[in-house]
């Protein structure tokens, strides 16, 4: 999912999207275990979509904290959530939750 699409969504829409992607991931894992999955990379892409959407949902839940979130992003040498490295997601999320 493109970041422009994510920005247009409300927090409730993002949460619904996360639920849908989680169900999709579960289905993909089941297909993988049954050797029915043709594109294994789809599992990775779905995981990444879930993570990006989780981060966006948390950030959107912090109204009035835009400058603080930007400062945290700067700490990880990113200007947008999509520029964060996957290994930095947990630390970023923990810092944003402290706000």
Protein backbone atom coordinates (compact mmCIF):
# COMPACT_ATOMS: atom_id res chain seq x y z
CA UNK A 1 0.00 0.00 0.00
CA UNK A 2 1.34 3.41 -0.92
CA UNK A 3 1.98 6.00 1.78
CA UNK A 4 -0.29 8.51 0.03
CA UNK A 5 -3.18 6.07 0.48
CA UNK A 6 -2.33 5.62 4.15
CA UNK A 7 -2.24 9.35 4.81
CA UNK A 8 -5.80 9.72 3.53
CA UNK A 9 -7.14 7.14 5.98
CA UNK A 10 -8.57 7.93 9.40
CA UNK A 11 -7.40 6.11 12.51
CA UNK A 12 -10.43 3.78 12.40
CA UNK A 13 -9.76 2.97 8.75
CA UNK A 14 -6.13 2.19 9.58
CA UNK A 15 -7.20 -0.10 12.42
CA UNK A 16 -9.63 -1.91 10.10
CA UNK A 17 -6.90 -2.22 7.51
CA UNK A 18 -4.56 -3.72 10.12
CA UNK A 19 -7.20 -6.29 11.02
CA UNK A 20 -7.69 -7.18 7.36
CA UNK A 21 -3.95 -7.49 6.77
CA UNK A 22 -3.55 -9.63 9.88
CA UNK A 23 -6.23 -11.99 8.59
CA UNK A 24 -4.54 -12.03 5.17
CA UNK A 25 -1.21 -12.87 6.81
CA UNK A 26 -2.82 -15.71 8.73
CA UNK A 27 -4.30 -17.07 5.50
CA UNK A 28 -0.95 -16.78 3.73
CA UNK A 29 0.80 -18.67 6.53
CA UNK A 30 -1.80 -21.43 6.33
CA UNK A 31 -1.35 -21.66 2.55
CA UNK A 32 2.42 -21.73 3.00
CA UNK A 33 2.25 -24.59 5.48
CA UNK A 34 0.00 -26.51 3.06
CA UNK A 35 2.41 -25.83 0.15
CA UNK A 36 -0.30 -23.87 -1.68
CA UNK A 37 1.42 -20.48 -1.65
CA UNK A 38 2.99 -19.63 -4.99
CA UNK A 39 4.53 -16.25 -4.06
CA UNK A 40 6.36 -16.50 -0.72
CA UNK A 41 7.40 -12.85 -0.89
CA UNK A 42 3.74 -11.93 -0.37
CA UNK A 43 4.13 -12.95 3.30
CA UNK A 44 7.01 -10.49 3.75
CA UNK A 45 5.15 -7.69 1.98
CA UNK A 46 2.05 -8.22 4.12
CA UNK A 47 4.14 -8.13 7.31
CA UNK A 48 5.71 -4.87 6.18
CA UNK A 49 2.29 -3.34 5.41
CA UNK A 50 1.04 -4.29 8.86
CA UNK A 51 4.04 -2.74 10.55
CA UNK A 52 3.89 0.54 8.61
CA UNK A 53 0.17 0.82 9.30
CA UNK A 54 0.70 0.12 13.01
CA UNK A 55 3.26 2.92 13.19
CA UNK A 56 1.00 5.33 11.34
CA UNK A 57 -1.96 4.48 13.58
CA UNK A 58 0.09 5.14 16.71
CA UNK A 59 1.42 8.44 15.36
CA UNK A 60 -2.07 9.56 14.32
CA UNK A 61 -3.24 8.80 17.84
CA UNK A 62 -0.87 11.48 19.16
CA UNK A 63 -2.48 14.77 18.06
CA UNK A 64 -0.43 17.85 18.81
CA UNK A 65 2.82 15.88 19.02
CA UNK A 66 3.93 16.45 15.44
CA UNK A 67 7.19 18.19 16.35
CA UNK A 68 8.05 15.50 18.92
CA UNK A 69 7.44 12.76 16.35
CA UNK A 70 9.61 14.62 13.82
CA UNK A 71 12.40 14.83 16.40
CA UNK A 72 12.20 11.08 16.98
CA UNK A 73 12.25 10.46 13.23
CA UNK A 74 15.34 12.70 12.94
CA UNK A 75 17.02 10.57 15.59
CA UNK A 76 16.64 7.60 13.23
CA UNK A 77 17.77 9.66 10.22
CA UNK A 78 14.33 9.56 8.58
CA UNK A 79 11.93 12.30 7.54
CA UNK A 80 8.95 9.96 7.14
CA UNK A 81 7.79 6.74 8.75
CA UNK A 82 8.33 4.88 5.48
CA UNK A 83 12.01 5.85 5.56
CA UNK A 84 12.58 4.07 8.88
CA UNK A 85 14.59 0.87 8.77
CA UNK A 86 12.57 -2.18 9.78
CA UNK A 87 14.95 -2.92 12.64
CA UNK A 88 14.19 0.55 14.09
CA UNK A 89 10.38 0.04 14.18
CA UNK A 90 10.20 -1.32 17.74
CA UNK A 91 12.40 1.41 19.23
CA UNK A 92 10.56 4.13 17.30
CA UNK A 93 7.20 2.77 18.44
CA UNK A 94 8.36 2.66 22.07
CA UNK A 95 9.53 6.28 21.95
CA UNK A 96 6.32 7.52 20.33
CA UNK A 97 4.24 5.66 22.92
CA UNK A 98 6.07 7.58 25.67
CA UNK A 99 4.74 10.90 24.31
